């Protein structure tokens, strides 16, 4: 009975349409175009600490992915690796983030021949800043979201729930006119 009274109060306060969307479970908002990208420092696969702010003056593709050595994540990483020379011509760095450990990233990079930075958000503090932490079967993983950040540190494009098969091409298509216009 106490539960029903509490539920009724919650429905009255939030409105039934909003109950599950905003009142019952706080959502981490995805930063929007025009906002300053939240800064962070995370360890990379080689053990160095990487901060977003150290890339000021460059374009940054910050992509979140669920798990090392899984099919979609491997395809996405391979495509970014394949296109790395094109990103280099556009003065752009690629930073991948998941909740896997630096050791997992190191093994993934070695096995797959990846040379860009993969960052370990094992404390799950950075993914929520970007609205990119989700539950999957009782485990928290990074959602497949990407943020294009300009040389001043502002978000200029956001992709959510991306298709790993064609994502690098989509990012390059959006980046090329932006970079040439800056």
C-alpha atoms as a PDB file:
ATOM      1  CA  UNK A   1       0.000   0.000   0.000  1.00  0.00           C
ATOM      2  CA  UNK A   2       2.823   2.410   0.844  1.00  0.00           C
ATOM      3  CA  UNK A   3       4.401   1.602  -2.532  1.00  0.00           C
ATOM      4  CA  UNK A   4       1.165   2.543  -4.375  1.00  0.00           C
ATOM      5  CA  UNK A   5       0.912   5.842  -2.496  1.00  0.00           C
ATOM      6  CA  UNK A   6       4.526   6.653  -3.375  1.00  0.00           C
ATOM      7  CA  UNK A   7       3.927   5.724  -7.006  1.00  0.00           C
ATOM      8  CA  UNK A   8       0.819   7.931  -7.144  1.00  0.00           C
ATOM      9  CA  UNK A   9       2.793  10.864  -5.715  1.00  0.00           C
ATOM     10  CA  UNK A  10       5.561  10.305  -8.236  1.00  0.00           C
ATOM     11  CA  UNK A  11       3.045  10.183 -11.086  1.00  0.00           C
ATOM     12  CA  UNK A  12       1.426  13.380  -9.862  1.00  0.00           C
ATOM     13  CA  UNK A  13       4.782  15.128  -9.558  1.00  0.00           C
ATOM     14  CA  UNK A  14       6.233  13.984 -12.865  1.00  0.00           C
ATOM     15  CA  UNK A  15       3.274  13.159 -15.034  1.00  0.00           C
ATOM     16  CA  UNK A  16       2.845   9.613 -16.255  1.00  0.00           C
ATOM     17  CA  UNK A  17       4.514  10.287 -19.605  1.00  0.00           C
ATOM     18  CA  UNK A  18       7.667  11.459 -17.885  1.00  0.00           C
ATOM     19  CA  UNK A  19       7.847   8.818 -15.169  1.00  0.00           C
ATOM     20  CA  UNK A  20      10.363   6.555 -16.824  1.00  0.00           C
ATOM     21  CA  UNK A  21      11.947   9.149 -19.084  1.00  0.00           C
ATOM     22  CA  UNK A  22      13.205  11.608 -16.515  1.00  0.00           C
ATOM     23  CA  UNK A  23      11.995  11.159 -12.951  1.00  0.00           C
ATOM     24  CA  UNK A  24      12.618   7.520 -12.154  1.00  0.00           C
ATOM     25  CA  UNK A  25      16.000   7.145 -13.837  1.00  0.00           C
ATOM     26  CA  UNK A  26      18.247  10.185 -14.254  1.00  0.00           C
ATOM     27  CA  UNK A  27      19.589  10.290 -17.793  1.00  0.00           C
ATOM     28  CA  UNK A  28      23.049  11.455 -18.772  1.00  0.00           C
ATOM     29  CA  UNK A  29      22.474  14.027 -21.459  1.00  0.00           C
ATOM     30  CA  UNK A  30      24.398  13.803 -24.700  1.00  0.00           C
ATOM     31  CA  UNK A  31      26.325  17.051 -25.237  1.00  0.00           C
ATOM     32  CA  UNK A  32      24.916  18.996 -28.155  1.00  0.00           C
ATOM     33  CA  UNK A  33      26.438  20.746 -31.135  1.00  0.00           C
ATOM     34  CA  UNK A  34      27.904  24.088 -30.057  1.00  0.00           C
ATOM     35  CA  UNK A  35      28.704  22.985 -26.509  1.00  0.00           C
ATOM     36  CA  UNK A  36      32.232  22.796 -25.184  1.00  0.00           C
ATOM     37  CA  UNK A  37      33.332  19.161 -25.132  1.00  0.00           C
ATOM     38  CA  UNK A  38      33.792  17.944 -21.541  1.00  0.00           C
ATOM     39  CA  UNK A  39      37.499  17.565 -20.811  1.00  0.00           C
ATOM     40  CA  UNK A  40      38.898  14.377 -19.346  1.00  0.00           C
ATOM     41  CA  UNK A  41      42.110  12.444 -18.771  1.00  0.00           C
ATOM     42  CA  UNK A  42      42.229   8.674 -19.285  1.00  0.00           C
ATOM     43  CA  UNK A  43      44.963   6.053 -19.683  1.00  0.00           C
ATOM     44  CA  UNK A  44      45.658   4.770 -23.196  1.00  0.00           C
ATOM     45  CA  UNK A  45      46.697   1.339 -24.423  1.00  0.00           C
ATOM     46  CA  UNK A  46      50.372   2.258 -23.983  1.00  0.00           C
ATOM     47  CA  UNK A  47      49.881   3.442 -20.381  1.00  0.00           C
ATOM     48  CA  UNK A  48      50.205   7.174 -21.110  1.00  0.00           C
ATOM     49  CA  UNK A  49      47.588   9.546 -19.734  1.00  0.00           C
ATOM     50  CA  UNK A  50      45.674  11.312 -22.494  1.00  0.00           C
ATOM     51  CA  UNK A  51      43.651  14.480 -22.003  1.00  0.00           C
ATOM     52  CA  UNK A  52      41.220  15.861 -24.534  1.00  0.00           C
ATOM     53  CA  UNK A  53      42.643  19.340 -23.922  1.00  0.00           C
ATOM     54  CA  UNK A  54      46.079  18.285 -25.206  1.00  0.00           C
ATOM     55  CA  UNK A  55      44.544  18.140 -28.694  1.00  0.00           C
ATOM     56  CA  UNK A  56      43.412  21.778 -28.790  1.00  0.00           C
ATOM     57  CA  UNK A  57      44.268  23.154 -32.208  1.00  0.00           C
ATOM     58  CA  UNK A  58      43.350  19.851 -33.891  1.00  0.00           C
ATOM     59  CA  UNK A  59      40.093  18.230 -34.888  1.00  0.00           C
ATOM     60  CA  UNK A  60      39.190  15.249 -32.715  1.00  0.00           C
ATOM     61  CA  UNK A  61      36.975  12.275 -33.510  1.00  0.00           C
ATOM     62  CA  UNK A  62      35.992  10.978 -30.076  1.00  0.00           C
ATOM     63  CA  UNK A  63      34.214   7.679 -30.486  1.00  0.00           C
ATOM     64  CA  UNK A  64      32.738   5.465 -27.796  1.00  0.00           C
ATOM     65  CA  UNK A  65      32.428   1.749 -28.449  1.00  0.00           C
ATOM     66  CA  UNK A  66      31.139  -1.200 -26.403  1.00  0.00           C
ATOM     67  CA  UNK A  67      33.940  -3.779 -26.215  1.00  0.00           C
ATOM     68  CA  UNK A  68      37.362  -4.719 -27.572  1.00  0.00           C
ATOM     69  CA  UNK A  69      37.550  -7.713 -29.925  1.00  0.00           C
ATOM     70  CA  UNK A  70      33.845  -7.870 -30.712  1.00  0.00           C
ATOM     71  CA  UNK A  71      32.747  -7.946 -34.361  1.00  0.00           C
ATOM     72  CA  UNK A  72      31.220  -4.465 -34.691  1.00  0.00           C
ATOM     73  CA  UNK A  73      33.921  -2.770 -32.629  1.00  0.00           C
ATOM     74  CA  UNK A  74      36.642  -4.502 -34.625  1.00  0.00           C
ATOM     75  CA  UNK A  75      35.120  -3.396 -37.950  1.00  0.00           C
ATOM     76  CA  UNK A  76      34.725   0.175 -36.707  1.00  0.00           C
ATOM     77  CA  UNK A  77      38.334   0.295 -35.452  1.00  0.00           C
ATOM     78  CA  UNK A  78      39.675  -1.221 -38.690  1.00  0.00           C
ATOM     79  CA  UNK A  79      37.829   1.395 -40.729  1.00  0.00           C
ATOM     80  CA  UNK A  80      39.233   4.247 -38.647  1.00  0.00           C
ATOM     81  CA  UNK A  81      42.701   2.684 -38.999  1.00  0.00           C
ATOM     82  CA  UNK A  82      42.261   2.281 -42.770  1.00  0.00           C
ATOM     83  CA  UNK A  83      41.268   5.962 -43.066  1.00  0.00           C
ATOM     84  CA  UNK A  84      43.937   7.286 -40.675  1.00  0.00           C
ATOM     85  CA  UNK A  85      45.981   8.900 -43.522  1.00  0.00           C
ATOM     86  CA  UNK A  86      42.859  10.820 -44.631  1.00  0.00           C
ATOM     87  CA  UNK A  87      42.277  12.018 -41.069  1.00  0.00           C
ATOM     88  CA  UNK A  88      45.932  13.036 -40.859  1.00  0.00           C
ATOM     89  CA  UNK A  89      45.528  15.190 -43.985  1.00  0.00           C
ATOM     90  CA  UNK A  90      42.631  16.911 -42.221  1.00  0.00           C
ATOM     91  CA  UNK A  91      44.702  17.519 -39.049  1.00  0.00           C
ATOM     92  CA  UNK A  92      42.397  15.178 -37.117  1.00  0.00           C
ATOM     93  CA  UNK A  93      43.112  12.645 -34.380  1.00  0.00           C
ATOM     94  CA  UNK A  94      41.032   9.591 -33.549  1.00  0.00           C
ATOM     95  CA  UNK A  95      40.383   8.708 -29.904  1.00  0.00           C
ATOM     96  CA  UNK A  96      38.407   5.579 -29.059  1.00  0.00           C
ATOM     97  CA  UNK A  97      36.905   5.085 -25.587  1.00  0.00           C
ATOM     98  CA  UNK A  98      35.407   2.020 -23.919  1.00  0.00           C
ATOM     99  CA  UNK A  99      35.157   0.764 -20.352  1.00  0.00           C
ATOM    100  CA  UNK A 100      37.704  -1.985 -21.097  1.00  0.00           C
ATOM    101  CA  UNK A 101      41.118  -1.812 -19.393  1.00  0.00           C
ATOM    102  CA  UNK A 102      44.338  -0.430 -20.862  1.00  0.00           C
ATOM    103  CA  UNK A 103      45.648  -4.004 -21.021  1.00  0.00           C
ATOM    104  CA  UNK A 104      42.610  -5.081 -23.020  1.00  0.00           C
ATOM    105  CA  UNK A 105      43.147  -2.111 -25.369  1.00  0.00           C
ATOM    106  CA  UNK A 106      46.826  -2.991 -25.719  1.00  0.00           C
ATOM    107  CA  UNK A 107      45.995  -6.573 -26.732  1.00  0.00           C
ATOM    108  CA  UNK A 108      43.247  -5.362 -29.089  1.00  0.00           C
ATOM    109  CA  UNK A 109      45.620  -2.902 -30.774  1.00  0.00           C
ATOM    110  CA  UNK A 110      48.353  -5.517 -31.126  1.00  0.00           C
ATOM    111  CA  UNK A 111      45.991  -8.145 -32.537  1.00  0.00           C
ATOM    112  CA  UNK A 112      44.254  -5.750 -34.948  1.00  0.00           C
ATOM    113  CA  UNK A 113      47.200  -3.510 -35.928  1.00  0.00           C
ATOM    114  CA  UNK A 114      45.653  -0.330 -34.510  1.00  0.00           C
ATOM    115  CA  UNK A 115      47.917   2.701 -34.093  1.00  0.00           C
ATOM    116  CA  UNK A 116      45.555   5.384 -32.788  1.00  0.00           C
ATOM    117  CA  UNK A 117      44.781   5.901 -29.102  1.00  0.00           C
ATOM    118  CA  UNK A 118      42.222   3.755 -27.304  1.00  0.00           C
ATOM    119  CA  UNK A 119      41.339   5.101 -23.876  1.00  0.00           C
ATOM    120  CA  UNK A 120      40.260   3.086 -20.841  1.00  0.00           C
ATOM    121  CA  UNK A 121      37.269   4.475 -18.940  1.00  0.00           C
ATOM    122  CA  UNK A 122      37.298   1.674 -16.361  1.00  0.00           C
ATOM    123  CA  UNK A 123      35.825   3.943 -13.664  1.00  0.00           C
ATOM    124  CA  UNK A 124      32.945   4.757 -16.041  1.00  0.00           C
ATOM    125  CA  UNK A 125      33.262   8.500 -15.439  1.00  0.00           C
ATOM    126  CA  UNK A 126      33.862   9.853 -18.943  1.00  0.00           C
ATOM    127  CA  UNK A 127      31.205   7.934 -20.889  1.00  0.00           C
ATOM    128  CA  UNK A 128      28.398   9.472 -18.767  1.00  0.00           C
ATOM    129  CA  UNK A 129      29.763  12.974 -19.462  1.00  0.00           C
ATOM    130  CA  UNK A 130      29.025  12.237 -23.101  1.00  0.00           C
ATOM    131  CA  UNK A 131      25.702  10.462 -22.491  1.00  0.00           C
ATOM    132  CA  UNK A 132      27.399   7.290 -23.681  1.00  0.00           C
ATOM    133  CA  UNK A 133      27.091   4.770 -20.854  1.00  0.00           C
ATOM    134  CA  UNK A 134      24.385   2.138 -21.061  1.00  0.00           C
ATOM    135  CA  UNK A 135      23.317  -1.061 -19.368  1.00  0.00           C
ATOM    136  CA  UNK A 136      23.522  -4.310 -21.278  1.00  0.00           C
ATOM    137  CA  UNK A 137      22.400  -7.467 -19.530  1.00  0.00           C
ATOM    138  CA  UNK A 138      23.407  -6.079 -16.130  1.00  0.00           C
ATOM    139  CA  UNK A 139      26.788  -4.701 -17.278  1.00  0.00           C
ATOM    140  CA  UNK A 140      27.657  -1.109 -18.019  1.00  0.00           C
ATOM    141  CA  UNK A 141      29.250  -0.571 -21.421  1.00  0.00           C
ATOM    142  CA  UNK A 142      29.892   2.394 -23.661  1.00  0.00           C
ATOM    143  CA  UNK A 143      27.204   3.188 -26.214  1.00  0.00           C
ATOM    144  CA  UNK A 144      28.307   3.477 -29.834  1.00  0.00           C
ATOM    145  CA  UNK A 145      28.309   7.300 -30.076  1.00  0.00           C
ATOM    146  CA  UNK A 146      30.773   9.661 -31.747  1.00  0.00           C
ATOM    147  CA  UNK A 147      31.569  13.336 -31.261  1.00  0.00           C
ATOM    148  CA  UNK A 148      33.404  15.521 -33.747  1.00  0.00           C
ATOM    149  CA  UNK A 149      35.231  18.227 -31.820  1.00  0.00           C
ATOM    150  CA  UNK A 150      36.689  21.313 -33.486  1.00  0.00           C
ATOM    151  CA  UNK A 151      40.157  22.794 -32.772  1.00  0.00           C
ATOM    152  CA  UNK A 152      38.646  25.143 -30.146  1.00  0.00           C
ATOM    153  CA  UNK A 153      37.159  22.208 -28.218  1.00  0.00           C
ATOM    154  CA  UNK A 154      33.519  22.622 -29.291  1.00  0.00           C
ATOM    155  CA  UNK A 155      31.300  19.813 -30.471  1.00  0.00           C
ATOM    156  CA  UNK A 156      30.346  20.312 -34.105  1.00  0.00           C
ATOM    157  CA  UNK A 157      28.685  16.970 -34.925  1.00  0.00           C
ATOM    158  CA  UNK A 158      27.162  14.121 -32.905  1.00  0.00           C
ATOM    159  CA  UNK A 159      26.352  10.606 -34.087  1.00  0.00           C
ATOM    160  CA  UNK A 160      24.407   8.229 -31.845  1.00  0.00           C
ATOM    161  CA  UNK A 161      23.901   4.507 -32.321  1.00  0.00           C
ATOM    162  CA  UNK A 162      26.219   4.462 -35.315  1.00  0.00           C
ATOM    163  CA  UNK A 163      26.617   1.726 -37.919  1.00  0.00           C
ATOM    164  CA  UNK A 164      30.221   0.557 -37.440  1.00  0.00           C
ATOM    165  CA  UNK A 165      30.462  -0.645 -41.046  1.00  0.00           C
ATOM    166  CA  UNK A 166      30.240   2.824 -42.616  1.00  0.00           C
ATOM    167  CA  UNK A 167      30.913   5.165 -39.745  1.00  0.00           C
ATOM    168  CA  UNK A 168      34.414   6.276 -40.670  1.00  0.00           C
ATOM    169  CA  UNK A 169      33.234   7.285 -44.151  1.00  0.00           C
ATOM    170  CA  UNK A 170      30.347   9.236 -42.601  1.00  0.00           C
ATOM    171  CA  UNK A 171      32.700  11.059 -40.248  1.00  0.00           C
ATOM    172  CA  UNK A 172      35.088  11.920 -43.090  1.00  0.00           C
ATOM    173  CA  UNK A 173      32.193  13.181 -45.220  1.00  0.00           C
ATOM    174  CA  UNK A 174      31.111  15.527 -42.412  1.00  0.00           C
ATOM    175  CA  UNK A 175      34.638  16.547 -41.433  1.00  0.00           C
ATOM    176  CA  UNK A 176      36.030  17.438 -44.865  1.00  0.00           C
ATOM    177  CA  UNK A 177      33.889  20.543 -45.544  1.00  0.00           C
ATOM    178  CA  UNK A 178      34.133  21.674 -41.903  1.00  0.00           C
ATOM    179  CA  UNK A 179      37.926  21.403 -41.820  1.00  0.00           C
ATOM    180  CA  UNK A 180      38.322  23.194 -45.156  1.00  0.00           C
ATOM    181  CA  UNK A 181      36.066  25.999 -43.924  1.00  0.00           C
ATOM    182  CA  UNK A 182      38.037  26.597 -40.712  1.00  0.00           C
END
